[in-house]
Amino acid sequence: MPLSSGVDYYNVRLPELHPRAQLWRRSSYRLHRGVLTVQVAGFILTPYLVPVVQAATGALFGQRAKLFIRTEDGHPAPLESLYVQAWDADDAVFLDRFLRTFHALNHLH
């Protein structure tokens, strides 16, 4: 299944996966020209995978996921700016699951 199908699948199902959260209304996964990003409450998040290497051998051990957060105007924003958008428990759970799914899709990509 192409990644674009996964992106479309999750975008369509956000309301049914998180019916009590409000934040899903201002959130979406995006795949544009092979780059996977998400929009959450006026912020655009871009993934960045950092290689983790074994110190003794220099062999690639895995990858650590990071996020670059910026406003829609392109200005960098701290991570805290994103988390203060979750005003209640339903939005906090939504944001956690939304970002975990984003990391999983990015890893598959």
Protein backbone atom coordinates (compact mmCIF):
# COMPACT_ATOMS: atom_id res chain seq x y z
CA MET A 1 0.00 0.00 0.00
CA PRO A 2 1.46 3.40 -0.92
CA LEU A 3 2.09 5.90 1.86
CA SER A 4 -0.40 8.30 0.29
CA SER A 5 -3.14 5.72 0.97
CA GLY A 6 -2.14 5.56 4.64
CA VAL A 7 -2.17 9.36 4.89
CA ASP A 8 -5.62 9.52 3.30
CA TYR A 9 -6.89 6.69 5.53
CA TYR A 10 -5.87 8.40 8.76
CA ASN A 11 -7.05 11.86 7.70
CA VAL A 12 -10.52 10.54 6.89
CA ARG A 13 -10.75 8.58 10.15
CA LEU A 14 -9.54 11.23 12.60
CA PRO A 15 -13.12 12.13 13.66
CA GLU A 16 -14.14 8.54 14.34
CA LEU A 17 -10.85 7.65 16.06
CA HIS A 18 -11.07 10.69 18.36
CA PRO A 19 -14.73 11.71 18.54
CA ARG A 20 -14.47 13.70 21.81
CA ALA A 21 -11.28 15.59 20.94
CA GLN A 22 -11.50 19.01 19.34
CA LEU A 23 -7.91 19.24 18.11
CA TRP A 24 -8.46 16.79 15.24
CA ARG A 25 -10.44 19.51 13.45
CA ARG A 26 -7.22 21.53 13.09
CA SER A 27 -4.90 18.62 12.32
CA SER A 28 -3.95 16.61 9.25
CA TYR A 29 -1.23 14.44 7.78
CA ARG A 30 0.33 15.70 4.54
CA LEU A 31 2.40 14.03 1.87
CA HIS A 32 3.70 16.48 -0.72
CA ARG A 33 6.45 15.65 -3.21
CA GLY A 34 7.59 12.74 -1.08
CA VAL A 35 7.83 14.74 2.15
CA LEU A 36 5.60 13.70 5.05
CA THR A 37 4.55 16.50 7.41
CA VAL A 38 1.63 17.21 9.70
CA GLN A 39 -0.33 20.31 10.57
CA VAL A 40 -1.57 20.73 14.12
CA ALA A 41 -3.37 23.87 15.30
CA GLY A 42 -1.47 26.25 13.04
CA PHE A 43 1.91 24.53 13.40
CA ILE A 44 3.69 22.49 10.75
CA LEU A 45 5.79 19.58 11.96
CA THR A 46 8.55 18.06 9.87
CA PRO A 47 10.23 14.82 10.91
CA TYR A 48 13.95 14.41 11.17
CA LEU A 49 15.55 11.03 11.78
CA VAL A 50 18.90 11.12 13.56
CA PRO A 51 21.11 8.05 13.17
CA VAL A 52 22.08 6.26 16.38
CA VAL A 53 25.44 4.51 16.01
CA GLN A 54 27.13 1.98 18.22
CA ALA A 55 30.14 3.69 19.82
CA ALA A 56 32.50 0.72 19.63
CA THR A 57 31.95 -0.22 16.00
CA GLY A 58 30.34 2.83 14.41
CA ALA A 59 27.59 0.57 13.07
CA LEU A 60 24.12 2.01 12.65
CA PHE A 61 22.08 0.88 15.64
CA GLY A 62 18.81 2.64 14.87
CA GLN A 63 17.28 6.05 14.42
CA ARG A 64 16.00 8.65 16.84
CA ALA A 65 13.05 10.68 15.67
CA LYS A 66 12.96 14.44 16.16
CA LEU A 67 10.45 17.04 15.07
CA PHE A 68 11.02 20.47 13.63
CA ILE A 69 8.12 22.73 14.56
CA ARG A 70 7.33 25.96 12.77
CA THR A 71 4.41 28.30 12.42
CA GLU A 72 2.48 28.54 9.18
CA ASP A 73 4.58 31.64 8.47
CA GLY A 74 7.71 29.50 8.67
CA HIS A 75 9.03 30.74 12.02
CA PRO A 76 10.52 28.11 14.36
CA ALA A 77 8.47 27.31 17.44
CA PRO A 78 9.34 25.46 20.64
CA LEU A 79 7.78 22.08 21.37
CA GLU A 80 5.84 23.56 24.27
CA SER A 81 3.86 25.70 21.80
CA LEU A 82 2.36 22.55 20.40
CA TYR A 83 1.44 20.89 23.68
CA VAL A 84 -0.39 23.89 25.11
CA GLN A 85 -2.93 23.41 22.30
CA ALA A 86 -4.30 20.34 24.14
CA TRP A 87 -6.72 21.88 26.65
CA ASP A 88 -8.25 18.70 28.01
CA ALA A 89 -7.55 14.98 28.39
CA ASP A 90 -9.24 14.08 25.08
CA ASP A 91 -7.02 16.48 23.15
CA ALA A 92 -3.91 15.31 25.02
CA VAL A 93 -4.66 11.70 24.06
CA PHE A 94 -5.38 12.77 20.48
CA LEU A 95 -2.10 14.67 20.22
CA ASP A 96 -0.10 11.76 21.64
CA ARG A 97 -1.65 9.23 19.24
CA PHE A 98 -1.51 11.63 16.29
CA LEU A 99 2.23 12.21 16.78
CA ARG A 100 2.94 8.51 17.38
CA THR A 101 1.16 7.67 14.13
CA PHE A 102 3.14 10.42 12.40
CA HIS A 103 6.41 8.90 13.63
CA ALA A 104 5.28 5.42 12.51
CA LEU A 105 4.30 6.68 9.04
CA ASN A 106 7.61 8.52 8.77
CA HIS A 107 9.51 5.38 9.75
CA LEU A 108 7.64 3.38 7.09
CA HIS A 109 8.34 6.10 4.56
